[in-house]
Amino acid sequence: MIDIINILLALASVVFGAFGWLAPRYTMSVLDLKQGESEMGISEVRASVGALFVALGVGCLIIGTPAAYLMMGAAYAGASLGRATSLALDNPPRTKALVYFGIEATMAAWLIAANS
């Protein structure tokens, strides 16, 4: 059962990351981000919200060890820490930020607990 959930979470990372990588303008609209005077925002979304998470999920699927899934858990723990910091300091749209925090924190908790 642990292996199945690990694989499903890796696939979710790939799917969500694919949106950021291949549809950055759509992703920016979902995240309430606005394009600036340069294309750097789109580049950043493709890289840090997109392809990074695709590679993370694909890496876990290829390596397939508990250590790989534990590392994905550490990455999602970092994302949830950043989200929690933002909730405390930045006043983002509360409901949306809490939903994203919940997803990131839940993925992190599972991946770390199940693969430690």
PDB file of N, CA and C in Angstrom:
ATOM      1  N   MET A   1       0.811  -1.201   0.000  1.00  0.00           N
ATOM      2  CA  MET A   1       0.000   0.000   0.000  1.00  0.00           C
ATOM      3  C   MET A   1       0.860   1.274   0.000  1.00  0.00           C
ATOM      4  N   ILE A   2       1.968   1.231   0.767  1.00  0.00           N
ATOM      5  CA  ILE A   2       2.864   2.387   0.808  1.00  0.00           C
ATOM      6  C   ILE A   2       3.389   2.693  -0.590  1.00  0.00           C
ATOM      7  N   ASP A   3       3.794   1.637  -1.309  1.00  0.00           N
ATOM      8  CA  ASP A   3       4.333   1.840  -2.663  1.00  0.00           C
ATOM      9  C   ASP A   3       3.306   2.479  -3.583  1.00  0.00           C
ATOM     10  N   ILE A   4       2.062   2.067  -3.482  1.00  0.00           N
ATOM     11  CA  ILE A   4       1.012   2.616  -4.353  1.00  0.00           C
ATOM     12  C   ILE A   4       0.801   4.104  -4.056  1.00  0.00           C
ATOM     13  N   ILE A   5       0.715   4.451  -2.784  1.00  0.00           N
ATOM     14  CA  ILE A   5       0.511   5.863  -2.425  1.00  0.00           C
ATOM     15  C   ILE A   5       1.724   6.691  -2.836  1.00  0.00           C
ATOM     16  N   ASN A   6       2.938   6.163  -2.629  1.00  0.00           N
ATOM     17  CA  ASN A   6       4.140   6.876  -3.074  1.00  0.00           C
ATOM     18  C   ASN A   6       4.078   7.159  -4.573  1.00  0.00           C
ATOM     19  N   ILE A   7       3.727   6.163  -5.353  1.00  0.00           N
ATOM     20  CA  ILE A   7       3.645   6.324  -6.806  1.00  0.00           C
ATOM     21  C   ILE A   7       2.576   7.338  -7.170  1.00  0.00           C
ATOM     22  N   LEU A   8       1.427   7.278  -6.523  1.00  0.00           N
ATOM     23  CA  LEU A   8       0.358   8.243  -6.812  1.00  0.00           C
ATOM     24  C   LEU A   8       0.807   9.677  -6.497  1.00  0.00           C
ATOM     25  N   LEU A   9       1.533   9.871  -5.402  1.00  0.00           N
ATOM     26  CA  LEU A   9       2.016  11.207  -5.060  1.00  0.00           C
ATOM     27  C   LEU A   9       3.085  11.683  -6.041  1.00  0.00           C
ATOM     28  N   ALA A  10       3.927  10.770  -6.499  1.00  0.00           N
ATOM     29  CA  ALA A  10       4.919  11.145  -7.518  1.00  0.00           C
ATOM     30  C   ALA A  10       4.220  11.535  -8.818  1.00  0.00           C
ATOM     31  N   LEU A  11       3.204  10.777  -9.190  1.00  0.00           N
ATOM     32  CA  LEU A  11       2.445  11.113 -10.402  1.00  0.00           C
ATOM     33  C   LEU A  11       1.727  12.449 -10.249  1.00  0.00           C
ATOM     34  N   ALA A  12       1.190  12.726  -9.059  1.00  0.00           N
ATOM     35  CA  ALA A  12       0.539  14.019  -8.812  1.00  0.00           C
ATOM     36  C   ALA A  12       1.552  15.152  -8.965  1.00  0.00           C
ATOM     37  N   SER A  13       2.762  14.949  -8.467  1.00  0.00           N
ATOM     38  CA  SER A  13       3.803  15.959  -8.614  1.00  0.00           C
ATOM     39  C   SER A  13       4.102  16.207 -10.092  1.00  0.00           C
ATOM     40  N   VAL A  14       4.165  15.136 -10.878  1.00  0.00           N
ATOM     41  CA  VAL A  14       4.420  15.261 -12.314  1.00  0.00           C
ATOM     42  C   VAL A  14       3.277  16.017 -12.997  1.00  0.00           C
ATOM     43  N   VAL A  15       2.045  15.658 -12.683  1.00  0.00           N
ATOM     44  CA  VAL A  15       0.886  16.291 -13.334  1.00  0.00           C
ATOM     45  C   VAL A  15       0.804  17.771 -12.971  1.00  0.00           C
ATOM     46  N   PHE A  16       0.877  18.090 -11.684  1.00  0.00           N
ATOM     47  CA  PHE A  16       0.805  19.503 -11.278  1.00  0.00           C
ATOM     48  C   PHE A  16       1.989  20.291 -11.832  1.00  0.00           C
ATOM     49  N   GLY A  17       3.158  19.684 -11.811  1.00  0.00           N
ATOM     50  CA  GLY A  17       4.331  20.348 -12.359  1.00  0.00           C
ATOM     51  C   GLY A  17       4.214  20.584 -13.857  1.00  0.00           C
ATOM     52  N   ALA A  18       3.582  19.647 -14.551  1.00  0.00           N
ATOM     53  CA  ALA A  18       3.422  19.800 -16.008  1.00  0.00           C
ATOM     54  C   ALA A  18       2.612  21.044 -16.350  1.00  0.00           C
ATOM     55  N   PHE A  19       1.632  21.375 -15.518  1.00  0.00           N
ATOM     56  CA  PHE A  19       0.871  22.606 -15.766  1.00  0.00           C
ATOM     57  C   PHE A  19       1.781  23.827 -15.692  1.00  0.00           C
ATOM     58  N   GLY A  20       2.606  23.910 -14.658  1.00  0.00           N
ATOM     59  CA  GLY A  20       3.511  25.043 -14.522  1.00  0.00           C
ATOM     60  C   GLY A  20       4.532  25.092 -15.641  1.00  0.00           C
ATOM     61  N   TRP A  21       5.009  23.937 -16.059  1.00  0.00           N
ATOM     62  CA  TRP A  21       6.033  23.867 -17.088  1.00  0.00           C
ATOM     63  C   TRP A  21       5.481  24.174 -18.478  1.00  0.00           C
ATOM     64  N   LEU A  22       4.350  23.547 -18.805  1.00  0.00           N
ATOM     65  CA  LEU A  22       3.837  23.623 -20.172  1.00  0.00           C
ATOM     66  C   LEU A  22       2.713  24.643 -20.355  1.00  0.00           C
ATOM     67  N   ALA A  23       2.104  25.070 -19.269  1.00  0.00           N
ATOM     68  CA  ALA A  23       1.031  26.069 -19.341  1.00  0.00           C
ATOM     69  C   ALA A  23       1.267  27.139 -18.267  1.00  0.00           C
ATOM     70  N   PRO A  24       2.380  27.863 -18.365  1.00  0.00           N
ATOM     71  CA  PRO A  24       2.717  28.804 -17.292  1.00  0.00           C
ATOM     72  C   PRO A  24       1.730  29.950 -17.154  1.00  0.00           C
ATOM     73  N   ARG A  25       1.154  30.421 -18.235  1.00  0.00           N
ATOM     74  CA  ARG A  25       0.187  31.525 -18.120  1.00  0.00           C
ATOM     75  C   ARG A  25      -1.074  31.070 -17.385  1.00  0.00           C
ATOM     76  N   TYR A  26      -1.533  29.870 -17.687  1.00  0.00           N
ATOM     77  CA  TYR A  26      -2.676  29.309 -16.969  1.00  0.00           C
ATOM     78  C   TYR A  26      -2.330  29.154 -15.484  1.00  0.00           C
ATOM     79  N   THR A  27      -1.166  28.605 -15.215  1.00  0.00           N
ATOM     80  CA  THR A  27      -0.733  28.410 -13.830  1.00  0.00           C
ATOM     81  C   THR A  27      -0.642  29.743 -13.098  1.00  0.00           C
ATOM     82  N   MET A  28      -0.105  30.744 -13.776  1.00  0.00           N
ATOM     83  CA  MET A  28      -0.016  32.073 -13.157  1.00  0.00           C
ATOM     84  C   MET A  28      -1.402  32.609 -12.820  1.00  0.00           C
ATOM     85  N   SER A  29      -2.378  32.376 -13.684  1.00  0.00           N
ATOM     86  CA  SER A  29      -3.730  32.864 -13.392  1.00  0.00           C
ATOM     87  C   SER A  29      -4.332  32.123 -12.200  1.00  0.00           C
ATOM     88  N   VAL A  30      -4.097  30.809 -12.105  1.00  0.00           N
ATOM     89  CA  VAL A  30      -4.610  30.030 -10.975  1.00  0.00           C
ATOM     90  C   VAL A  30      -3.973  30.486  -9.666  1.00  0.00           C
ATOM     91  N   LEU A  31      -2.700  30.853  -9.734  1.00  0.00           N
ATOM     92  CA  LEU A  31      -1.968  31.280  -8.542  1.00  0.00           C
ATOM     93  C   LEU A  31      -2.082  32.778  -8.263  1.00  0.00           C
ATOM     94  N   ASP A  32      -2.912  33.467  -9.026  1.00  0.00           N
ATOM     95  CA  ASP A  32      -3.087  34.915  -8.874  1.00  0.00           C
ATOM     96  C   ASP A  32      -1.787  35.686  -9.101  1.00  0.00           C
ATOM     97  N   LEU A  33      -0.966  35.217 -10.034  1.00  0.00           N
ATOM     98  CA  LEU A  33       0.268  35.909 -10.383  1.00  0.00           C
ATOM     99  C   LEU A  33       0.048  36.697 -11.663  1.00  0.00           C
ATOM    100  N   LYS A  34       0.702  37.828 -11.753  1.00  0.00           N
ATOM    101  CA  LYS A  34       0.573  38.672 -12.937  1.00  0.00           C
ATOM    102  C   LYS A  34       1.912  38.760 -13.653  1.00  0.00           C
ATOM    103  N   GLN A  35       1.837  38.747 -14.973  1.00  0.00           N
ATOM    104  CA  GLN A  35       3.038  38.887 -15.774  1.00  0.00           C
ATOM    105  C   GLN A  35       3.561  40.310 -15.646  1.00  0.00           C
ATOM    106  N   GLY A  36       4.863  40.444 -15.486  1.00  0.00           N
ATOM    107  CA  GLY A  36       5.477  41.756 -15.339  1.00  0.00           C
ATOM    108  C   GLY A  36       5.933  42.319 -16.668  1.00  0.00           C
ATOM    109  N   GLU A  37       6.830  43.257 -16.595  1.00  0.00           N
ATOM    110  CA  GLU A  37       7.338  43.913 -17.794  1.00  0.00           C
ATOM    111  C   GLU A  37       8.230  43.001 -18.626  1.00  0.00           C
ATOM    112  N   SER A  38       8.796  41.962 -17.998  1.00  0.00           N
ATOM    113  CA  SER A  38       9.631  41.026 -18.740  1.00  0.00           C
ATOM    114  C   SER A  38       8.968  39.648 -18.718  1.00  0.00           C
ATOM    115  N   GLU A  39       9.572  38.723 -19.406  1.00  0.00           N
ATOM    116  CA  GLU A  39       9.068  37.349 -19.433  1.00  0.00           C
ATOM    117  C   GLU A  39       9.676  36.511 -18.311  1.00  0.00           C
ATOM    118  N   MET A  40      10.396  37.133 -17.395  1.00  0.00           N
ATOM    119  CA  MET A  40      11.073  36.385 -16.341  1.00  0.00           C
ATOM    120  C   MET A  40      10.081  35.655 -15.429  1.00  0.00           C
ATOM    121  N   GLY A  41       8.902  36.226 -15.208  1.00  0.00           N
ATOM    122  CA  GLY A  41       7.903  35.555 -14.379  1.00  0.00           C
ATOM    123  C   GLY A  41       7.475  34.232 -14.984  1.00  0.00           C
ATOM    124  N   ILE A  42       7.264  34.220 -16.292  1.00  0.00           N
ATOM    125  CA  ILE A  42       6.893  32.982 -16.983  1.00  0.00           C
ATOM    126  C   ILE A  42       8.039  31.979 -16.892  1.00  0.00           C
ATOM    127  N   SER A  43       9.251  32.459 -17.064  1.00  0.00           N
ATOM    128  CA  SER A  43      10.419  31.591 -16.952  1.00  0.00           C
ATOM    129  C   SER A  43      10.498  30.971 -15.555  1.00  0.00           C
ATOM    130  N   GLU A  44      10.244  31.770 -14.538  1.00  0.00           N
ATOM    131  CA  GLU A  44      10.308  31.282 -13.157  1.00  0.00           C
ATOM    132  C   GLU A  44       9.223  30.245 -12.884  1.00  0.00           C
ATOM    133  N   VAL A  45       8.030  30.473 -13.393  1.00  0.00           N
ATOM    134  CA  VAL A  45       6.942  29.502 -13.212  1.00  0.00           C
ATOM    135  C   VAL A  45       7.297  28.195 -13.915  1.00  0.00           C
ATOM    136  N   ARG A  46       7.770  28.278 -15.154  1.00  0.00           N
ATOM    137  CA  ARG A  46       8.160  27.055 -15.870  1.00  0.00           C
ATOM    138  C   ARG A  46       9.205  26.261 -15.085  1.00  0.00           C
ATOM    139  N   ALA A  47      10.156  26.981 -14.479  1.00  0.00           N
ATOM    140  CA  ALA A  47      11.254  26.315 -13.784  1.00  0.00           C
ATOM    141  C   ALA A  47      10.857  25.835 -12.388  1.00  0.00           C
ATOM    142  N   SER A  48      10.440  26.769 -11.528  1.00  0.00           N
ATOM    143  CA  SER A  48      10.283  26.434 -10.108  1.00  0.00           C
ATOM    144  C   SER A  48       8.922  25.865  -9.739  1.00  0.00           C
ATOM    145  N   VAL A  49       7.895  26.184 -10.491  1.00  0.00           N
ATOM    146  CA  VAL A  49       6.567  25.638 -10.213  1.00  0.00           C
ATOM    147  C   VAL A  49       6.280  24.464 -11.150  1.00  0.00           C
ATOM    148  N   GLY A  50       7.058  24.375 -12.220  1.00  0.00           N
ATOM    149  CA  GLY A  50       6.779  23.395 -13.244  1.00  0.00           C
ATOM    150  C   GLY A  50       7.771  22.259 -13.334  1.00  0.00           C
ATOM    151  N   ALA A  51       8.790  22.452 -14.149  1.00  0.00           N
ATOM    152  CA  ALA A  51       9.705  21.363 -14.480  1.00  0.00           C
ATOM    153  C   ALA A  51      10.415  20.795 -13.254  1.00  0.00           C
ATOM    154  N   LEU A  52      10.667  21.613 -12.241  1.00  0.00           N
ATOM    155  CA  LEU A  52      11.277  21.114 -11.012  1.00  0.00           C
ATOM    156  C   LEU A  52      10.433  19.988 -10.411  1.00  0.00           C
ATOM    157  N   PHE A  53       9.124  20.183 -10.335  1.00  0.00           N
ATOM    158  CA  PHE A  53       8.252  19.176  -9.738  1.00  0.00           C
ATOM    159  C   PHE A  53       8.019  17.990 -10.669  1.00  0.00           C
ATOM    160  N   VAL A  54       8.092  18.219 -11.977  1.00  0.00           N
ATOM    161  CA  VAL A  54       8.060  17.094 -12.919  1.00  0.00           C
ATOM    162  C   VAL A  54       9.279  16.213 -12.682  1.00  0.00           C
ATOM    163  N   ALA A  55      10.460  16.828 -12.639  1.00  0.00           N
ATOM    164  CA  ALA A  55      11.692  16.070 -12.436  1.00  0.00           C
ATOM    165  C   ALA A  55      11.703  15.358 -11.082  1.00  0.00           C
ATOM    166  N   LEU A  56      11.178  16.022 -10.067  1.00  0.00           N
ATOM    167  CA  LEU A  56      11.105  15.413  -8.738  1.00  0.00           C
ATOM    168  C   LEU A  56      10.267  14.137  -8.772  1.00  0.00           C
ATOM    169  N   GLY A  57       9.092  14.212  -9.370  1.00  0.00           N
ATOM    170  CA  GLY A  57       8.224  13.039  -9.451  1.00  0.00           C
ATOM    171  C   GLY A  57       8.792  11.952 -10.337  1.00  0.00           C
ATOM    172  N   VAL A  58       9.310  12.323 -11.502  1.00  0.00           N
ATOM    173  CA  VAL A  58       9.895  11.335 -12.412  1.00  0.00           C
ATOM    174  C   VAL A  58      11.107  10.676 -11.760  1.00  0.00           C
ATOM    175  N   GLY A  59      11.924  11.463 -11.075  1.00  0.00           N
ATOM    176  CA  GLY A  59      13.072  10.895 -10.376  1.00  0.00           C
ATOM    177  C   GLY A  59      12.662   9.840  -9.367  1.00  0.00           C
ATOM    178  N   CYS A  60      11.612  10.121  -8.619  1.00  0.00           N
ATOM    179  CA  CYS A  60      11.113   9.138  -7.644  1.00  0.00           C
ATOM    180  C   CYS A  60      10.617   7.876  -8.340  1.00  0.00           C
ATOM    181  N   LEU A  61       9.920   8.047  -9.444  1.00  0.00           N
ATOM    182  CA  LEU A  61       9.399   6.881 -10.174  1.00  0.00           C
ATOM    183  C   LEU A  61      10.538   6.035 -10.749  1.00  0.00           C
ATOM    184  N   ILE A  62      11.592   6.676 -11.203  1.00  0.00           N
ATOM    185  CA  ILE A  62      12.723   5.940 -11.765  1.00  0.00           C
ATOM    186  C   ILE A  62      13.541   5.268 -10.663  1.00  0.00           C
ATOM    187  N   ILE A  63      13.889   6.029  -9.625  1.00  0.00           N
ATOM    188  CA  ILE A  63      14.727   5.482  -8.551  1.00  0.00           C
ATOM    189  C   ILE A  63      13.937   4.490  -7.719  1.00  0.00           C
ATOM    190  N   GLY A  64      12.724   4.870  -7.330  1.00  0.00           N
ATOM    191  CA  GLY A  64      11.800   3.960  -6.668  1.00  0.00           C
ATOM    192  C   GLY A  64      12.164   3.493  -5.277  1.00  0.00           C
ATOM    193  N   THR A  65      13.123   4.108  -4.633  1.00  0.00           N
ATOM    194  CA  THR A  65      13.506   3.679  -3.286  1.00  0.00           C
ATOM    195  C   THR A  65      12.816   4.550  -2.235  1.00  0.00           C
ATOM    196  N   PRO A  66      12.715   4.048  -1.009  1.00  0.00           N
ATOM    197  CA  PRO A  66      12.165   4.891   0.051  1.00  0.00           C
ATOM    198  C   PRO A  66      12.944   6.197   0.214  1.00  0.00           C
ATOM    199  N   ALA A  67      14.256   6.164   0.015  1.00  0.00           N
ATOM    200  CA  ALA A  67      15.052   7.386   0.160  1.00  0.00           C
ATOM    201  C   ALA A  67      14.644   8.443  -0.877  1.00  0.00           C
ATOM    202  N   ALA A  68      14.318   8.005  -2.074  1.00  0.00           N
ATOM    203  CA  ALA A  68      13.881   8.954  -3.110  1.00  0.00           C
ATOM    204  C   ALA A  68      12.563   9.607  -2.701  1.00  0.00           C
ATOM    205  N   TYR A  69      11.628   8.797  -2.220  1.00  0.00           N
ATOM    206  CA  TYR A  69      10.333   9.346  -1.799  1.00  0.00           C
ATOM    207  C   TYR A  69      10.479  10.197  -0.539  1.00  0.00           C
ATOM    208  N   LEU A  70      11.413   9.835   0.333  1.00  0.00           N
ATOM    209  CA  LEU A  70      11.699  10.661   1.514  1.00  0.00           C
ATOM    210  C   LEU A  70      12.204  12.038   1.074  1.00  0.00           C
ATOM    211  N   MET A  71      13.046  12.071   0.061  1.00  0.00           N
ATOM    212  CA  MET A  71      13.560  13.351  -0.436  1.00  0.00           C
ATOM    213  C   MET A  71      12.432  14.177  -1.042  1.00  0.00           C
ATOM    214  N   MET A  72      11.492  13.537  -1.735  1.00  0.00           N
ATOM    215  CA  MET A  72      10.345  14.277  -2.257  1.00  0.00           C
ATOM    216  C   MET A  72       9.538  14.839  -1.081  1.00  0.00           C
ATOM    217  N   GLY A  73       9.427  14.084  -0.007  1.00  0.00           N
ATOM    218  CA  GLY A  73       8.763  14.588   1.193  1.00  0.00           C
ATOM    219  C   GLY A  73       9.470  15.802   1.767  1.00  0.00           C
ATOM    220  N   ALA A  74      10.802  15.782   1.752  1.00  0.00           N
ATOM    221  CA  ALA A  74      11.556  16.939   2.241  1.00  0.00           C
ATOM    222  C   ALA A  74      11.301  18.159   1.361  1.00  0.00           C
ATOM    223  N   ALA A  75      11.201  17.944   0.049  1.00  0.00           N
ATOM    224  CA  ALA A  75      10.918  19.059  -0.857  1.00  0.00           C
ATOM    225  C   ALA A  75       9.539  19.650  -0.574  1.00  0.00           C
ATOM    226  N   TYR A  76       8.548  18.782  -0.385  1.00  0.00           N
ATOM    227  CA  TYR A  76       7.213  19.287  -0.085  1.00  0.00           C
ATOM    228  C   TYR A  76       7.142  19.901   1.313  1.00  0.00           C
ATOM    229  N   ALA A  77       7.957  19.423   2.246  1.00  0.00           N
ATOM    230  CA  ALA A  77       8.028  20.068   3.566  1.00  0.00           C
ATOM    231  C   ALA A  77       8.583  21.483   3.419  1.00  0.00           C
ATOM    232  N   GLY A  78       9.573  21.644   2.554  1.00  0.00           N
ATOM    233  CA  GLY A  78      10.103  22.980   2.290  1.00  0.00           C
ATOM    234  C   GLY A  78       9.055  23.886   1.673  1.00  0.00           C
ATOM    235  N   ALA A  79       8.280  23.343   0.736  1.00  0.00           N
ATOM    236  CA  ALA A  79       7.212  24.137   0.122  1.00  0.00           C
ATOM    237  C   ALA A  79       6.176  24.544   1.162  1.00  0.00           C
ATOM    238  N   SER A  80       5.802  23.613   2.039  1.00  0.00           N
ATOM    239  CA  SER A  80       4.796  23.952   3.054  1.00  0.00           C
ATOM    240  C   SER A  80       5.349  24.937   4.076  1.00  0.00           C
ATOM    241  N   LEU A  81       6.645  24.866   4.372  1.00  0.00           N
ATOM    242  CA  LEU A  81       7.264  25.857   5.263  1.00  0.00           C
ATOM    243  C   LEU A  81       7.221  27.241   4.626  1.00  0.00           C
ATOM    244  N   GLY A  82       7.538  27.316   3.355  1.00  0.00           N
ATOM    245  CA  GLY A  82       7.456  28.597   2.652  1.00  0.00           C
ATOM    246  C   GLY A  82       6.035  29.128   2.624  1.00  0.00           C
ATOM    247  N   ARG A  83       5.076  28.239   2.419  1.00  0.00           N
ATOM    248  CA  ARG A  83       3.667  28.647   2.396  1.00  0.00           C
ATOM    249  C   ARG A  83       3.237  29.136   3.775  1.00  0.00           C
ATOM    250  N   ALA A  84       3.640  28.435   4.835  1.00  0.00           N
ATOM    251  CA  ALA A  84       3.287  28.854   6.198  1.00  0.00           C
ATOM    252  C   ALA A  84       3.906  30.217   6.520  1.00  0.00           C
ATOM    253  N   THR A  85       5.140  30.411   6.092  1.00  0.00           N
ATOM    254  CA  THR A  85       5.794  31.701   6.289  1.00  0.00           C
ATOM    255  C   THR A  85       5.019  32.804   5.580  1.00  0.00           C
ATOM    256  N   SER A  86       4.588  32.516   4.359  1.00  0.00           N
ATOM    257  CA  SER A  86       3.807  33.490   3.608  1.00  0.00           C
ATOM    258  C   SER A  86       2.485  33.794   4.296  1.00  0.00           C
ATOM    259  N   LEU A  87       1.830  32.767   4.809  1.00  0.00           N
ATOM    260  CA  LEU A  87       0.572  32.989   5.528  1.00  0.00           C
ATOM    261  C   LEU A  87       0.788  33.898   6.735  1.00  0.00           C
ATOM    262  N   ALA A  88       1.925  33.745   7.405  1.00  0.00           N
ATOM    263  CA  ALA A  88       2.204  34.549   8.590  1.00  0.00           C
ATOM    264  C   ALA A  88       2.636  35.974   8.250  1.00  0.00           C
ATOM    265  N   LEU A  89       3.330  36.159   7.128  1.00  0.00           N
ATOM    266  CA  LEU A  89       3.958  37.455   6.859  1.00  0.00           C
ATOM    267  C   LEU A  89       3.384  38.239   5.678  1.00  0.00           C
ATOM    268  N   ASP A  90       2.786  37.554   4.716  1.00  0.00           N
ATOM    269  CA  ASP A  90       2.478  38.210   3.441  1.00  0.00           C
ATOM    270  C   ASP A  90       1.006  38.504   3.191  1.00  0.00           C
ATOM    271  N   ASN A  91       0.127  37.938   3.962  1.00  0.00           N
ATOM    272  CA  ASN A  91      -1.311  38.139   3.769  1.00  0.00           C
ATOM    273  C   ASN A  91      -1.800  37.730   2.369  1.00  0.00           C
ATOM    274  N   PRO A  92      -1.478  36.490   1.948  1.00  0.00           N
ATOM    275  CA  PRO A  92      -2.003  36.028   0.661  1.00  0.00           C
ATOM    276  C   PRO A  92      -3.493  35.728   0.795  1.00  0.00           C
ATOM    277  N   PRO A  93      -4.189  35.467  -0.318  1.00  0.00           N
ATOM    278  CA  PRO A  93      -5.593  35.045  -0.200  1.00  0.00           C
ATOM    279  C   PRO A  93      -5.655  33.820   0.713  1.00  0.00           C
ATOM    280  N   ARG A  94      -6.263  33.979   1.866  1.00  0.00           N
ATOM    281  CA  ARG A  94      -6.165  32.996   2.950  1.00  0.00           C
ATOM    282  C   ARG A  94      -6.661  31.603   2.569  1.00  0.00           C
ATOM    283  N   THR A  95      -7.827  31.511   1.989  1.00  0.00           N
ATOM    284  CA  THR A  95      -8.383  30.189   1.678  1.00  0.00           C
ATOM    285  C   THR A  95      -7.507  29.452   0.679  1.00  0.00           C
ATOM    286  N   LYS A  96      -7.124  30.133  -0.386  1.00  0.00           N
ATOM    287  CA  LYS A  96      -6.295  29.498  -1.410  1.00  0.00           C
ATOM    288  C   LYS A  96      -4.948  29.074  -0.821  1.00  0.00           C
ATOM    289  N   ALA A  97      -4.325  29.940  -0.058  1.00  0.00           N
ATOM    290  CA  ALA A  97      -3.026  29.619   0.527  1.00  0.00           C
ATOM    291  C   ALA A  97      -3.138  28.461   1.524  1.00  0.00           C
ATOM    292  N   LEU A  98      -4.220  28.422   2.291  1.00  0.00           N
ATOM    293  CA  LEU A  98      -4.420  27.314   3.233  1.00  0.00           C
ATOM    294  C   LEU A  98      -4.641  25.986   2.517  1.00  0.00           C
ATOM    295  N   VAL A  99      -5.365  26.010   1.413  1.00  0.00           N
ATOM    296  CA  VAL A  99      -5.575  24.778   0.634  1.00  0.00           C
ATOM    297  C   VAL A  99      -4.236  24.272   0.115  1.00  0.00           C
ATOM    298  N   TYR A 100      -3.444  25.161  -0.487  1.00  0.00           N
ATOM    299  CA  TYR A 100      -2.137  24.745  -1.002  1.00  0.00           C
ATOM    300  C   TYR A 100      -1.232  24.270   0.128  1.00  0.00           C
ATOM    301  N   PHE A 101      -1.248  24.974   1.256  1.00  0.00           N
ATOM    302  CA  PHE A 101      -0.472  24.541   2.416  1.00  0.00           C
ATOM    303  C   PHE A 101      -0.906  23.142   2.844  1.00  0.00           C
ATOM    304  N   GLY A 102      -2.201  22.918   2.910  1.00  0.00           N
ATOM    305  CA  GLY A 102      -2.705  21.609   3.324  1.00  0.00           C
ATOM    306  C   GLY A 102      -2.245  20.492   2.409  1.00  0.00           C
ATOM    307  N   ILE A 103      -2.272  20.735   1.113  1.00  0.00           N
ATOM    308  CA  ILE A 103      -1.814  19.724   0.149  1.00  0.00           C
ATOM    309  C   ILE A 103      -0.327  19.454   0.337  1.00  0.00           C
ATOM    310  N   GLU A 104       0.457  20.518   0.397  1.00  0.00           N
ATOM    311  CA  GLU A 104       1.906  20.366   0.537  1.00  0.00           C
ATOM    312  C   GLU A 104       2.274  19.691   1.858  1.00  0.00           C
ATOM    313  N   ALA A 105       1.658  20.121   2.944  1.00  0.00           N
ATOM    314  CA  ALA A 105       1.971  19.557   4.256  1.00  0.00           C
ATOM    315  C   ALA A 105       1.536  18.099   4.361  1.00  0.00           C
ATOM    316  N   THR A 106       0.394  17.763   3.776  1.00  0.00           N
ATOM    317  CA  THR A 106      -0.077  16.379   3.805  1.00  0.00           C
ATOM    318  C   THR A 106       0.845  15.472   2.998  1.00  0.00           C
ATOM    319  N   MET A 107       1.227  15.929   1.811  1.00  0.00           N
ATOM    320  CA  MET A 107       2.160  15.140   1.001  1.00  0.00           C
ATOM    321  C   MET A 107       3.472  14.960   1.739  1.00  0.00           C
ATOM    322  N   ALA A 108       3.987  16.044   2.333  1.00  0.00           N
ATOM    323  CA  ALA A 108       5.250  15.966   3.084  1.00  0.00           C
ATOM    324  C   ALA A 108       5.137  14.987   4.243  1.00  0.00           C
ATOM    325  N   ALA A 109       4.068  15.091   5.013  1.00  0.00           N
ATOM    326  CA  ALA A 109       3.904  14.235   6.197  1.00  0.00           C
ATOM    327  C   ALA A 109       3.856  12.767   5.804  1.00  0.00           C
ATOM    328  N   TRP A 110       3.064  12.461   4.766  1.00  0.00           N
ATOM    329  CA  TRP A 110       2.985  11.057   4.321  1.00  0.00           C
ATOM    330  C   TRP A 110       4.352  10.561   3.856  1.00  0.00           C
ATOM    331  N   LEU A 111       4.958  11.300   2.939  1.00  0.00           N
ATOM    332  CA  LEU A 111       6.197  10.848   2.320  1.00  0.00           C
ATOM    333  C   LEU A 111       7.319  10.688   3.349  1.00  0.00           C
ATOM    334  N   ILE A 112       7.382  11.583   4.311  1.00  0.00           N
ATOM    335  CA  ILE A 112       8.426  11.481   5.334  1.00  0.00           C
ATOM    336  C   ILE A 112       8.115  10.328   6.298  1.00  0.00           C
ATOM    337  N   ALA A 113       6.888  10.245   6.783  1.00  0.00           N
ATOM    338  CA  ALA A 113       6.535   9.201   7.752  1.00  0.00           C
ATOM    339  C   ALA A 113       6.596   7.798   7.138  1.00  0.00           C
ATOM    340  N   ALA A 114       6.112   7.655   5.920  1.00  0.00           N
ATOM    341  CA  ALA A 114       6.035   6.331   5.305  1.00  0.00           C
ATOM    342  C   ALA A 114       7.381   5.835   4.800  1.00  0.00           C
ATOM    343  N   ASN A 115       8.329   6.744   4.594  1.00  0.00           N
ATOM    344  CA  ASN A 115       9.581   6.345   3.955  1.00  0.00           C
ATOM    345  C   ASN A 115      10.811   6.558   4.832  1.00  0.00           C
ATOM    346  N   SER A 116      10.588   6.852   6.125  1.00  0.00           N
ATOM    347  CA  SER A 116      11.724   7.052   7.063  1.00  0.00           C
ATOM    348  C   SER A 116      12.155   5.728   7.656  1.00  0.00           C
TER     349      SER A 116
END
